[in-house]
N, C-alpha and C. Protein backbone atom coordinates (compact mmCIF):
# COMPACT_ATOMS: atom_id res chain seq x y z
N MET A 1 -78.40 -32.00 102.64
CA MET A 1 -77.04 -31.94 102.15
C MET A 1 -76.16 -33.17 101.88
N THR A 2 -75.82 -33.54 100.89
CA THR A 2 -75.02 -34.78 100.87
C THR A 2 -73.50 -34.66 101.31
N GLY A 3 -73.03 -35.50 101.79
CA GLY A 3 -71.73 -35.26 102.40
C GLY A 3 -70.69 -35.60 101.15
N ARG A 4 -69.22 -35.80 101.28
CA ARG A 4 -68.48 -35.96 100.49
C ARG A 4 -68.34 -37.48 100.21
N ALA A 5 -67.95 -37.65 98.92
CA ALA A 5 -67.89 -38.97 98.50
C ALA A 5 -66.95 -40.02 99.18
N GLN A 6 -67.41 -41.07 99.45
CA GLN A 6 -66.15 -41.94 100.07
C GLN A 6 -65.05 -42.17 99.45
N LEU A 7 -63.95 -41.99 100.26
CA LEU A 7 -62.70 -42.21 99.51
C LEU A 7 -62.39 -43.99 99.31
N PRO A 8 -61.87 -44.26 98.00
CA PRO A 8 -61.84 -45.68 97.57
C PRO A 8 -60.85 -46.37 98.72
N SER A 9 -60.89 -47.84 98.76
CA SER A 9 -60.19 -48.69 99.62
C SER A 9 -58.75 -48.50 99.32
N TRP A 10 -58.47 -48.20 98.13
CA TRP A 10 -57.02 -47.91 97.54
C TRP A 10 -56.14 -46.68 97.67
N TYR A 11 -57.03 -45.80 98.41
CA TYR A 11 -56.78 -44.59 98.60
C TYR A 11 -55.35 -44.40 98.91
N ASP A 12 -54.89 -45.15 100.02
CA ASP A 12 -53.38 -44.98 100.39
C ASP A 12 -52.45 -46.43 100.28
N ASP A 13 -52.88 -47.03 99.40
CA ASP A 13 -52.42 -48.49 99.06
C ASP A 13 -52.15 -48.73 97.81
N LEU A 14 -50.57 -48.78 97.71
CA LEU A 14 -49.92 -48.88 96.24
C LEU A 14 -50.45 -50.00 95.48
N ASP A 15 -50.26 -51.14 96.02
CA ASP A 15 -50.87 -52.19 95.30
C ASP A 15 -52.20 -52.10 95.19
N GLY A 16 -53.15 -51.76 95.93
CA GLY A 16 -54.49 -51.74 95.75
C GLY A 16 -54.79 -50.90 94.51
N THR A 17 -53.77 -49.45 94.54
CA THR A 17 -54.27 -48.57 93.45
C THR A 17 -53.56 -49.08 92.21
N LEU A 18 -52.57 -49.94 91.89
CA LEU A 18 -52.25 -50.45 90.68
C LEU A 18 -53.35 -51.62 90.15
N ALA A 19 -53.91 -52.48 91.07
CA ALA A 19 -54.91 -53.39 90.89
C ALA A 19 -56.22 -52.59 90.30
N ALA A 20 -56.48 -51.40 90.83
CA ALA A 20 -57.59 -50.46 90.49
C ALA A 20 -57.58 -50.06 89.28
N CYS A 21 -56.46 -49.45 88.95
CA CYS A 21 -55.99 -48.90 87.70
C CYS A 21 -56.04 -49.97 86.52
N TRP A 22 -56.00 -51.13 86.56
CA TRP A 22 -55.93 -52.14 85.53
C TRP A 22 -57.22 -52.44 85.37
N ASN A 23 -57.92 -52.65 86.72
CA ASN A 23 -59.34 -52.84 86.69
C ASN A 23 -60.24 -52.14 85.88
N PHE A 24 -59.95 -50.81 86.13
CA PHE A 24 -60.88 -49.80 85.29
C PHE A 24 -60.55 -49.64 83.89
N LEU A 25 -58.96 -49.73 83.80
CA LEU A 25 -58.78 -50.06 82.13
C LEU A 25 -59.75 -51.01 81.59
N ALA A 26 -59.70 -52.47 82.32
CA ALA A 26 -60.25 -53.32 81.63
C ALA A 26 -61.91 -53.29 81.42
N ARG A 27 -62.46 -52.53 82.44
CA ARG A 27 -63.72 -52.10 82.48
C ARG A 27 -64.07 -51.30 81.17
N GLY A 28 -62.96 -50.39 80.88
CA GLY A 28 -63.32 -49.32 80.00
C GLY A 28 -63.54 -50.14 78.68
N VAL A 29 -62.91 -51.15 78.33
CA VAL A 29 -63.08 -51.99 76.93
C VAL A 29 -64.54 -52.08 76.55
N ALA A 30 -65.31 -52.36 77.40
CA ALA A 30 -66.91 -52.62 77.27
C ALA A 30 -67.67 -51.48 77.38
N ASP A 31 -67.20 -50.81 78.45
CA ASP A 31 -68.25 -49.57 78.83
C ASP A 31 -67.97 -48.27 78.05
N ARG A 32 -68.71 -47.88 77.45
CA ARG A 32 -68.70 -46.86 76.49
C ARG A 32 -68.68 -45.46 77.13
N ARG A 33 -69.41 -45.48 78.89
CA ARG A 33 -69.08 -44.62 79.17
C ARG A 33 -68.16 -44.34 80.21
N SER A 34 -67.36 -45.09 80.29
CA SER A 34 -66.03 -45.05 80.94
C SER A 34 -65.13 -44.06 80.26
N GLY A 35 -64.59 -43.25 81.02
CA GLY A 35 -63.39 -42.34 80.45
C GLY A 35 -62.28 -43.22 79.80
N PHE A 36 -62.15 -44.24 80.08
CA PHE A 36 -60.94 -45.07 79.77
C PHE A 36 -61.40 -46.00 78.44
N HIS A 37 -62.64 -45.57 77.84
CA HIS A 37 -63.05 -46.36 76.64
C HIS A 37 -62.31 -45.51 75.27
N HIS A 38 -62.19 -44.58 75.70
CA HIS A 38 -61.51 -43.91 74.35
C HIS A 38 -60.21 -42.80 74.97
N PRO A 39 -59.19 -43.52 75.18
CA PRO A 39 -58.10 -42.80 75.58
C PRO A 39 -57.25 -42.18 74.63
N VAL A 40 -56.16 -41.35 74.78
CA VAL A 40 -55.66 -40.44 73.75
C VAL A 40 -54.17 -41.35 74.06
N LEU A 41 -53.99 -41.68 72.58
CA LEU A 41 -52.56 -42.37 72.33
C LEU A 41 -51.72 -41.19 71.58
N SER A 42 -50.41 -41.00 72.12
CA SER A 42 -49.51 -39.96 71.38
C SER A 42 -48.26 -40.67 71.10
N SER A 43 -47.97 -40.42 70.16
CA SER A 43 -46.61 -41.12 69.20
C SER A 43 -45.51 -40.13 68.89
N ILE A 44 -44.78 -40.41 68.11
CA ILE A 44 -43.66 -39.46 67.75
C ILE A 44 -43.83 -39.56 66.16
N GLY A 45 -43.94 -38.26 65.58
CA GLY A 45 -44.22 -38.06 64.11
C GLY A 45 -42.88 -38.37 63.31
N LEU A 46 -43.01 -38.67 62.20
CA LEU A 46 -41.78 -38.59 61.23
C LEU A 46 -40.82 -37.36 61.34
N ASP A 47 -41.89 -36.33 61.75
CA ASP A 47 -40.76 -34.95 61.46
C ASP A 47 -40.22 -34.68 63.39
N GLY A 48 -40.26 -35.69 63.95
CA GLY A 48 -39.88 -35.47 65.24
C GLY A 48 -41.15 -34.75 66.42
N ALA A 49 -41.93 -34.45 65.82
CA ALA A 49 -42.97 -33.73 66.62
C ALA A 49 -44.10 -34.98 67.32
N PRO A 50 -44.67 -34.33 68.34
CA PRO A 50 -45.60 -35.22 68.72
C PRO A 50 -47.00 -35.32 68.19
N ARG A 51 -47.54 -36.62 68.30
CA ARG A 51 -48.84 -36.92 67.38
C ARG A 51 -49.63 -37.27 68.48
N SER A 52 -51.02 -36.93 68.57
CA SER A 52 -51.91 -37.53 69.50
C SER A 52 -53.29 -37.76 68.95
N ARG A 53 -53.92 -38.83 69.28
CA ARG A 53 -55.30 -39.42 68.66
C ARG A 53 -56.15 -39.87 69.53
N VAL A 54 -57.42 -39.66 69.62
CA VAL A 54 -58.39 -40.50 70.36
C VAL A 54 -58.55 -41.73 69.96
N MET A 55 -58.50 -43.00 70.55
CA MET A 55 -58.67 -44.35 70.00
C MET A 55 -59.64 -44.72 70.90
N ILE A 56 -60.30 -45.95 70.44
CA ILE A 56 -60.88 -47.06 71.25
C ILE A 56 -60.09 -48.24 71.84
N LEU A 57 -60.38 -48.00 73.15
CA LEU A 57 -59.82 -49.23 73.63
C LEU A 57 -60.50 -50.48 73.50
N ARG A 58 -59.70 -51.60 72.83
CA ARG A 58 -60.32 -52.85 72.33
C ARG A 58 -60.09 -53.99 73.39
N GLY A 59 -59.04 -53.98 74.09
CA GLY A 59 -58.68 -55.21 74.59
C GLY A 59 -57.57 -54.67 75.92
N VAL A 60 -57.82 -55.57 77.03
CA VAL A 60 -56.81 -55.12 78.08
C VAL A 60 -56.19 -57.00 78.66
N ASP A 61 -55.12 -56.98 78.80
CA ASP A 61 -54.40 -58.02 79.11
C ASP A 61 -53.76 -57.95 80.54
N ILE A 62 -54.21 -57.90 81.56
CA ILE A 62 -53.72 -57.41 82.66
C ILE A 62 -52.68 -58.41 83.13
N ALA A 63 -52.65 -59.75 82.71
CA ALA A 63 -51.45 -60.74 83.23
C ALA A 63 -50.22 -60.32 82.46
N ALA A 64 -50.49 -59.71 81.25
CA ALA A 64 -49.37 -59.60 80.02
C ALA A 64 -49.21 -57.86 80.03
N ARG A 65 -49.92 -57.36 80.70
CA ARG A 65 -49.32 -55.82 81.12
C ARG A 65 -49.66 -55.13 79.51
N SER A 66 -50.64 -55.73 78.83
CA SER A 66 -50.90 -54.88 77.60
C SER A 66 -52.24 -54.47 77.44
N LEU A 67 -52.17 -53.43 76.41
CA LEU A 67 -53.48 -52.81 75.70
C LEU A 67 -53.71 -53.09 74.15
N ARG A 68 -54.95 -53.15 73.73
CA ARG A 68 -55.31 -53.47 72.29
C ARG A 68 -55.84 -52.36 71.84
N VAL A 69 -55.38 -51.78 70.72
CA VAL A 69 -56.42 -50.99 69.91
C VAL A 69 -56.33 -51.23 68.54
N HIS A 70 -57.32 -51.12 67.46
CA HIS A 70 -57.29 -51.20 66.20
C HIS A 70 -57.16 -49.73 65.34
N THR A 71 -56.53 -50.26 64.29
CA THR A 71 -56.19 -49.09 63.32
C THR A 71 -56.24 -49.76 61.75
N ASP A 72 -56.17 -48.55 60.82
CA ASP A 72 -55.95 -49.18 59.49
C ASP A 72 -54.43 -49.13 59.22
N LEU A 73 -53.98 -49.94 58.52
CA LEU A 73 -52.72 -50.11 57.92
C LEU A 73 -52.19 -49.08 57.10
N ARG A 74 -52.95 -48.29 56.35
CA ARG A 74 -52.89 -47.11 55.44
C ARG A 74 -52.63 -45.60 56.03
N SER A 75 -52.91 -45.96 57.45
CA SER A 75 -53.00 -44.47 58.19
C SER A 75 -51.53 -44.18 58.60
N GLU A 76 -51.20 -42.79 58.69
CA GLU A 76 -49.94 -42.56 58.81
C GLU A 76 -49.31 -42.96 60.15
N LYS A 77 -50.06 -43.06 61.17
CA LYS A 77 -49.39 -43.59 62.41
C LYS A 77 -48.55 -44.93 62.15
N ILE A 78 -49.01 -45.62 61.20
CA ILE A 78 -48.08 -46.90 60.88
C ILE A 78 -46.82 -46.81 60.75
N ALA A 79 -46.70 -45.83 59.77
CA ALA A 79 -44.97 -45.13 59.55
C ALA A 79 -44.63 -44.69 60.65
N GLU A 80 -44.99 -43.99 61.38
CA GLU A 80 -44.67 -43.41 62.55
C GLU A 80 -44.08 -44.40 63.77
N TRP A 81 -44.87 -45.44 63.66
CA TRP A 81 -44.33 -46.55 64.86
C TRP A 81 -43.52 -47.40 64.48
N ARG A 82 -43.43 -47.76 62.89
CA ARG A 82 -42.50 -48.25 62.59
C ARG A 82 -40.95 -47.93 62.66
N ALA A 83 -41.04 -46.37 62.79
CA ALA A 83 -39.99 -45.68 62.66
C ALA A 83 -39.54 -45.71 64.10
N ASP A 84 -40.61 -45.11 65.46
CA ASP A 84 -40.30 -45.32 66.63
C ASP A 84 -41.68 -45.92 67.27
N ASN A 85 -41.58 -47.10 67.81
CA ASN A 85 -42.63 -47.66 68.31
C ASN A 85 -42.78 -47.32 69.68
N ARG A 86 -42.38 -46.23 70.43
CA ARG A 86 -42.67 -45.91 71.70
C ARG A 86 -43.99 -44.72 71.76
N VAL A 87 -44.70 -45.11 72.70
CA VAL A 87 -46.13 -44.48 72.69
C VAL A 87 -46.41 -44.09 74.51
N SER A 88 -47.47 -43.32 74.22
CA SER A 88 -48.14 -43.03 75.61
C SER A 88 -49.37 -42.96 75.56
N VAL A 89 -50.25 -43.68 76.45
CA VAL A 89 -51.65 -43.45 76.46
C VAL A 89 -52.17 -42.78 77.72
N LEU A 90 -53.15 -41.81 77.73
CA LEU A 90 -53.73 -41.11 78.33
C LEU A 90 -55.36 -41.19 78.62
N GLY A 91 -55.96 -41.52 80.04
CA GLY A 91 -57.15 -41.73 79.94
C GLY A 91 -57.58 -40.86 81.40
N TYR A 92 -58.78 -40.44 81.29
CA TYR A 92 -59.45 -40.00 82.47
C TYR A 92 -60.88 -40.29 82.57
N ASP A 93 -61.09 -40.34 83.76
CA ASP A 93 -62.56 -40.73 84.11
C ASP A 93 -63.05 -39.79 85.29
N ALA A 94 -64.01 -38.99 84.83
CA ALA A 94 -64.37 -37.81 85.51
C ALA A 94 -65.21 -38.49 86.86
N GLY A 95 -66.03 -39.50 86.36
CA GLY A 95 -66.55 -40.30 87.57
C GLY A 95 -66.23 -40.58 88.70
N GLN A 96 -64.70 -41.29 88.55
CA GLN A 96 -63.90 -41.76 89.50
C GLN A 96 -63.09 -41.07 89.73
N LYS A 97 -62.90 -39.72 89.29
CA LYS A 97 -61.95 -38.67 89.51
C LYS A 97 -60.36 -39.24 89.36
N LEU A 98 -60.15 -40.18 88.38
CA LEU A 98 -58.93 -40.78 88.09
C LEU A 98 -58.19 -40.64 86.54
N GLN A 99 -57.09 -40.10 86.80
CA GLN A 99 -56.40 -39.99 85.46
C GLN A 99 -55.09 -41.04 85.53
N ILE A 100 -54.98 -41.88 84.28
CA ILE A 100 -54.04 -42.97 84.30
C ILE A 100 -53.19 -42.58 82.86
N ARG A 101 -52.18 -42.45 83.10
CA ARG A 101 -51.07 -42.45 82.14
C ARG A 101 -50.11 -43.70 81.95
N LEU A 102 -49.77 -44.08 80.80
CA LEU A 102 -49.04 -45.41 80.48
C LEU A 102 -48.20 -44.99 79.37
N THR A 103 -47.03 -45.47 79.72
CA THR A 103 -45.72 -45.57 78.38
C THR A 103 -45.62 -47.01 78.04
N GLY A 104 -45.21 -47.13 76.75
CA GLY A 104 -44.86 -48.76 76.17
C GLY A 104 -44.45 -48.41 74.96
N ARG A 105 -44.26 -49.86 74.40
CA ARG A 105 -44.09 -49.86 72.80
C ARG A 105 -45.01 -50.67 72.02
N VAL A 106 -45.34 -50.34 70.81
CA VAL A 106 -46.25 -51.00 70.05
C VAL A 106 -45.81 -52.02 69.44
N ARG A 107 -46.79 -53.36 69.40
CA ARG A 107 -46.55 -54.13 68.29
C ARG A 107 -47.85 -54.20 67.41
N LEU A 108 -47.59 -54.23 66.04
CA LEU A 108 -48.55 -54.45 65.01
C LEU A 108 -48.67 -55.78 64.53
N HIS A 109 -49.70 -56.23 64.43
CA HIS A 109 -50.13 -57.41 63.96
C HIS A 109 -51.26 -57.33 62.99
N ALA A 110 -51.00 -57.73 61.70
CA ALA A 110 -51.91 -57.59 60.55
C ALA A 110 -52.01 -59.04 59.82
N ASP A 111 -51.24 -59.90 60.03
CA ASP A 111 -51.45 -61.46 59.23
C ASP A 111 -51.16 -62.49 60.12
N ASP A 112 -51.71 -62.21 61.26
CA ASP A 112 -51.49 -63.51 62.16
C ASP A 112 -52.85 -63.71 63.03
N ALA A 113 -52.70 -64.57 64.15
CA ALA A 113 -53.66 -65.15 64.82
C ALA A 113 -54.25 -63.89 65.39
N ILE A 114 -53.43 -63.09 66.10
CA ILE A 114 -53.95 -61.96 66.91
C ILE A 114 -54.63 -61.02 66.16
N ALA A 115 -54.19 -60.91 64.89
CA ALA A 115 -55.08 -59.89 63.86
C ALA A 115 -56.61 -60.40 63.72
N GLU A 116 -56.62 -61.91 63.26
CA GLU A 116 -57.60 -62.39 62.62
C GLU A 116 -58.62 -62.40 63.99
N ALA A 117 -58.33 -63.18 65.08
CA ALA A 117 -59.21 -63.00 66.24
C ALA A 117 -60.00 -61.60 66.43
N ALA A 118 -58.74 -60.28 66.65
CA ALA A 118 -59.41 -59.13 66.63
C ALA A 118 -60.57 -58.68 65.49
N TRP A 119 -60.17 -59.16 64.37
CA TRP A 119 -61.27 -58.75 63.39
C TRP A 119 -62.30 -59.67 63.43
N GLN A 120 -62.35 -60.91 63.77
CA GLN A 120 -63.73 -61.70 64.14
C GLN A 120 -64.36 -61.10 64.84
N SER A 121 -63.72 -60.49 66.21
CA SER A 121 -64.70 -60.08 67.20
C SER A 121 -65.18 -58.51 66.99
N SER A 122 -64.77 -58.02 65.91
CA SER A 122 -65.28 -56.62 65.48
C SER A 122 -66.78 -56.75 64.64
N ARG A 123 -67.42 -55.60 65.22
CA ARG A 123 -68.63 -55.80 64.57
C ARG A 123 -68.88 -55.07 63.23
N ALA A 124 -69.84 -55.08 62.29
CA ALA A 124 -69.88 -54.69 61.23
C ALA A 124 -69.80 -53.20 61.05
N MET A 125 -70.29 -52.51 62.18
CA MET A 125 -70.10 -51.00 62.09
C MET A 125 -68.68 -50.60 62.18
N SER A 126 -67.77 -51.41 62.81
CA SER A 126 -66.55 -51.21 63.00
C SER A 126 -65.92 -51.58 61.68
N ARG A 127 -66.08 -52.67 61.30
CA ARG A 127 -65.56 -53.20 60.00
C ARG A 127 -65.35 -52.19 58.89
N VAL A 128 -66.63 -51.34 58.69
CA VAL A 128 -66.79 -50.37 57.88
C VAL A 128 -65.66 -49.67 57.52
N CYS A 129 -65.14 -48.84 58.73
CA CYS A 129 -63.99 -47.90 58.61
C CYS A 129 -62.94 -48.57 57.76
N TYR A 130 -62.78 -49.90 57.42
CA TYR A 130 -61.43 -50.25 57.15
C TYR A 130 -61.47 -50.30 55.61
N GLY A 131 -62.65 -49.91 55.22
CA GLY A 131 -63.25 -49.87 53.52
C GLY A 131 -63.31 -48.57 52.96
N THR A 132 -62.86 -47.72 53.94
CA THR A 132 -62.76 -46.13 53.38
C THR A 132 -61.81 -45.98 51.84
N ALA A 133 -62.44 -45.38 51.23
CA ALA A 133 -61.78 -45.09 49.78
C ALA A 133 -61.95 -43.56 49.54
N PRO A 134 -60.80 -42.97 49.38
CA PRO A 134 -59.53 -43.28 49.44
C PRO A 134 -59.04 -43.34 50.79
N ALA A 135 -57.65 -43.70 51.09
CA ALA A 135 -57.24 -44.10 52.20
C ALA A 135 -57.34 -43.09 53.47
N PRO A 136 -57.44 -43.22 54.51
CA PRO A 136 -57.52 -42.32 55.66
C PRO A 136 -56.40 -41.23 55.79
N GLY A 137 -56.83 -39.90 55.92
CA GLY A 137 -55.51 -38.98 55.72
C GLY A 137 -55.44 -38.61 54.28
N SER A 138 -55.98 -39.38 53.27
CA SER A 138 -55.85 -38.70 51.92
C SER A 138 -56.49 -37.54 51.46
N GLU A 139 -55.65 -36.45 51.03
CA GLU A 139 -56.57 -35.31 50.45
C GLU A 139 -57.67 -35.46 49.70
N ILE A 140 -59.13 -34.65 49.91
CA ILE A 140 -60.12 -35.06 48.90
C ILE A 140 -60.71 -33.91 48.63
N PRO A 141 -61.40 -33.29 47.49
CA PRO A 141 -61.99 -32.11 47.16
C PRO A 141 -62.86 -31.44 47.97
N ALA A 142 -63.37 -32.43 48.63
CA ALA A 142 -64.86 -31.96 49.42
C ALA A 142 -64.87 -32.83 50.88
N GLY A 143 -65.67 -32.43 51.49
CA GLY A 143 -65.82 -32.83 52.82
C GLY A 143 -66.38 -34.66 52.74
N ASP A 144 -67.28 -34.73 51.86
CA ASP A 144 -68.02 -36.00 51.65
C ASP A 144 -67.20 -36.98 50.57
N ALA A 145 -66.30 -36.33 50.12
CA ALA A 145 -65.56 -37.27 48.79
C ALA A 145 -64.86 -38.24 49.17
N PHE A 146 -65.64 -39.41 49.83
CA PHE A 146 -65.06 -40.44 50.22
C PHE A 146 -66.26 -41.24 50.14
N ALA A 147 -65.85 -42.69 50.11
CA ALA A 147 -66.85 -43.64 49.97
C ALA A 147 -66.45 -45.04 51.14
N LEU A 148 -67.54 -45.43 51.84
CA LEU A 148 -67.59 -46.40 52.63
C LEU A 148 -68.51 -47.54 52.27
N PRO A 149 -68.02 -48.85 52.48
CA PRO A 149 -68.95 -50.25 52.30
C PRO A 149 -70.07 -50.03 53.18
N HIS A 150 -71.32 -50.51 52.65
CA HIS A 150 -72.40 -50.53 53.43
C HIS A 150 -72.13 -51.52 54.52
N SER A 151 -72.96 -51.53 55.61
CA SER A 151 -72.61 -52.52 56.30
C SER A 151 -73.21 -53.91 56.30
N ASP A 152 -74.13 -53.89 55.39
CA ASP A 152 -75.09 -54.94 54.93
C ASP A 152 -74.50 -55.93 53.95
N ASN A 153 -73.35 -55.27 53.24
CA ASN A 153 -72.42 -55.83 52.20
C ASN A 153 -71.16 -56.66 52.78
N ALA A 154 -71.60 -57.81 53.10
CA ALA A 154 -70.52 -58.55 53.69
C ALA A 154 -69.20 -58.79 53.05
N GLU A 155 -69.10 -58.93 51.68
CA GLU A 155 -68.00 -59.18 50.76
C GLU A 155 -67.28 -57.79 50.82
N ALA A 156 -68.04 -56.80 50.85
CA ALA A 156 -67.25 -55.36 50.91
C ALA A 156 -66.68 -55.25 52.11
N LEU A 157 -67.12 -55.55 53.06
CA LEU A 157 -66.75 -55.59 54.55
C LEU A 157 -65.68 -56.06 54.53
N GLU A 158 -65.76 -57.43 54.20
CA GLU A 158 -64.52 -58.55 54.19
C GLU A 158 -63.07 -58.23 53.53
N ALA A 159 -63.50 -57.04 52.43
CA ALA A 159 -62.35 -56.58 51.54
C ALA A 159 -61.40 -55.51 52.58
N GLY A 160 -62.35 -55.03 53.60
CA GLY A 160 -61.33 -54.09 54.60
C GLY A 160 -60.20 -55.01 55.34
N ARG A 161 -60.63 -56.38 55.31
CA ARG A 161 -59.66 -57.05 56.16
C ARG A 161 -58.27 -56.74 55.99
N ALA A 162 -57.84 -56.42 54.74
CA ALA A 162 -56.62 -56.33 54.33
C ALA A 162 -56.03 -54.86 54.81
N HIS A 163 -56.79 -54.23 55.22
CA HIS A 163 -56.19 -52.77 55.79
C HIS A 163 -56.10 -52.72 57.29
N PHE A 164 -56.75 -54.00 57.90
CA PHE A 164 -56.93 -54.09 59.29
C PHE A 164 -55.63 -54.43 60.06
N ALA A 165 -55.71 -53.83 61.26
CA ALA A 165 -54.29 -54.15 62.13
C ALA A 165 -54.65 -54.28 63.69
N ALA A 166 -54.44 -54.95 64.34
CA ALA A 166 -54.41 -54.94 65.89
C ALA A 166 -53.27 -54.44 66.54
N VAL A 167 -53.33 -53.46 67.27
CA VAL A 167 -52.01 -52.79 67.72
C VAL A 167 -51.82 -53.08 69.41
N VAL A 168 -50.85 -54.13 69.70
CA VAL A 168 -50.78 -54.41 71.09
C VAL A 168 -49.96 -53.41 71.73
N ILE A 169 -49.97 -52.80 72.78
CA ILE A 169 -49.25 -51.76 73.52
C ILE A 169 -48.62 -52.58 74.85
N ASP A 170 -47.36 -52.74 74.77
CA ASP A 170 -46.62 -53.30 75.99
C ASP A 170 -46.42 -52.38 76.98
N VAL A 171 -46.95 -52.46 77.94
CA VAL A 171 -46.92 -51.17 79.16
C VAL A 171 -45.50 -51.36 80.04
N ALA A 172 -44.90 -50.43 80.10
CA ALA A 172 -43.76 -50.11 80.65
C ALA A 172 -43.91 -49.64 81.86
N SER A 173 -44.74 -48.36 82.03
CA SER A 173 -44.92 -47.60 82.95
C SER A 173 -46.21 -47.37 83.18
N LEU A 174 -46.87 -46.88 84.47
CA LEU A 174 -48.27 -46.84 84.50
C LEU A 174 -48.14 -45.93 85.98
N GLU A 175 -48.92 -44.23 85.48
CA GLU A 175 -48.74 -43.60 86.41
C GLU A 175 -50.44 -43.01 87.11
N SER A 176 -50.72 -42.92 87.97
CA SER A 176 -52.14 -42.78 88.21
C SER A 176 -52.20 -41.43 89.28
N LEU A 177 -53.39 -40.39 88.76
CA LEU A 177 -53.50 -39.46 89.67
C LEU A 177 -55.29 -39.47 90.02
N TYR A 178 -55.22 -39.65 91.34
CA TYR A 178 -56.80 -39.88 91.86
C TYR A 178 -56.91 -38.44 92.64
N LEU A 179 -58.13 -37.59 92.20
CA LEU A 179 -58.35 -36.34 92.99
C LEU A 179 -59.39 -36.47 93.96
N ALA A 180 -58.82 -36.04 95.25
CA ALA A 180 -59.81 -35.94 96.21
C ALA A 180 -59.44 -34.66 97.03
N PHE A 181 -60.61 -34.12 97.66
CA PHE A 181 -60.75 -33.08 98.59
C PHE A 181 -59.85 -33.23 99.61
N GLU A 182 -59.76 -34.28 100.47
CA GLU A 182 -58.80 -34.69 101.32
C GLU A 182 -57.53 -35.02 101.01
N GLY A 183 -56.98 -34.70 100.05
CA GLY A 183 -55.88 -34.82 99.48
C GLY A 183 -55.56 -35.58 98.16
N HIS A 184 -54.94 -35.15 97.09
CA HIS A 184 -54.61 -36.01 95.87
C HIS A 184 -53.82 -37.30 96.04
N ARG A 185 -53.99 -38.34 95.59
CA ARG A 185 -52.90 -39.19 95.49
C ARG A 185 -52.36 -39.75 93.97
N ARG A 186 -50.93 -39.55 93.94
CA ARG A 186 -50.26 -39.87 92.47
C ARG A 186 -49.53 -41.04 92.87
N ALA A 187 -49.36 -41.88 92.10
CA ALA A 187 -48.33 -42.90 92.24
C ALA A 187 -47.91 -43.28 90.75
N ARG A 188 -46.51 -43.98 90.65
CA ARG A 188 -45.84 -44.55 89.55
C ARG A 188 -45.49 -45.77 89.62
N PHE A 189 -45.86 -46.78 88.65
CA PHE A 189 -45.53 -47.96 88.86
C PHE A 189 -44.41 -48.44 87.57
N SER A 190 -43.64 -48.85 87.38
CA SER A 190 -42.68 -49.21 86.42
C SER A 190 -42.20 -50.41 86.40
N TRP A 191 -41.96 -51.11 85.05
CA TRP A 191 -41.24 -52.64 85.13
C TRP A 191 -39.93 -52.45 84.14
N ASP A 192 -38.98 -53.09 84.85
CA ASP A 192 -37.89 -53.36 83.94
C ASP A 192 -38.09 -54.65 83.00
N ALA A 193 -37.02 -54.73 82.35
CA ALA A 193 -36.88 -55.82 81.02
C ALA A 193 -37.49 -57.02 81.68
N GLY A 194 -37.09 -57.44 82.91
CA GLY A 194 -37.31 -58.70 83.21
C GLY A 194 -38.58 -58.60 84.09
N GLY A 195 -39.46 -57.71 84.04
CA GLY A 195 -40.93 -57.82 84.37
C GLY A 195 -40.73 -57.20 86.17
N ALA A 196 -39.46 -56.90 86.72
CA ALA A 196 -39.55 -56.68 87.84
C ALA A 196 -40.34 -55.16 88.16
N LEU A 197 -41.13 -55.15 89.25
CA LEU A 197 -42.34 -53.93 89.29
C LEU A 197 -41.39 -52.79 90.46
N THR A 198 -41.21 -51.59 90.15
CA THR A 198 -41.27 -50.45 91.03
C THR A 198 -42.21 -49.78 91.20
N ALA A 199 -42.77 -49.51 92.43
CA ALA A 199 -43.86 -48.59 92.98
C ALA A 199 -43.51 -47.51 93.80
N ARG A 200 -44.04 -46.59 93.49
CA ARG A 200 -43.68 -45.35 94.41
C ARG A 200 -44.46 -44.25 94.53
N TRP A 201 -44.91 -43.55 95.54
CA TRP A 201 -45.94 -42.37 95.57
C TRP A 201 -45.01 -41.09 94.96
N LEU A 202 -45.92 -40.28 94.58
CA LEU A 202 -45.46 -39.03 94.04
C LEU A 202 -46.06 -37.90 94.45
N ALA A 203 -45.82 -36.99 94.73
CA ALA A 203 -46.36 -35.53 95.07
C ALA A 203 -47.43 -35.27 93.86
N PRO A 204 -48.63 -35.02 94.16
CA PRO A 204 -49.33 -34.55 93.12
C PRO A 204 -49.36 -33.26 92.70
């Protein structure tokens, strides 16, 4: 009979908890098996109602406290973010028994060095999505009534660049919840406009 899993070194350490959360997020960029590879991103719709979408985490900058995802400029969330750029991000990794919730604001990058670097680092199978016709979210008469460029057609793939945007999320707060038989641990970290950190434990 196996014993319970050993508690992580950061179990009762606020600084360690914050560092662990950022490290798990960063690891989720490349690790497709990580629960943090595909977080849920929520924003405010143009009608004032919440909107949530699963997105792929493409980049994490720990020093800058930011995340990066990619999207199509023709999608409805672009108009939502331009009207109100506040978002929340939720990720859960069952293996780590860890939930991470973040809040922040998005910055859209379409015609600058950030967008170009993100596009150049994208694989062909990812670039295909930005060549969708008609635009994402368009009504179509049948489920298959849309077209995608072939991944071997470099010219067609490059045409999708005009629809591509890198989305940087500047994180204002991070809340963690670690699940353990010995007692859950919940913590909240927030940064003011000057970057000063406030860290506190919360009742789980």
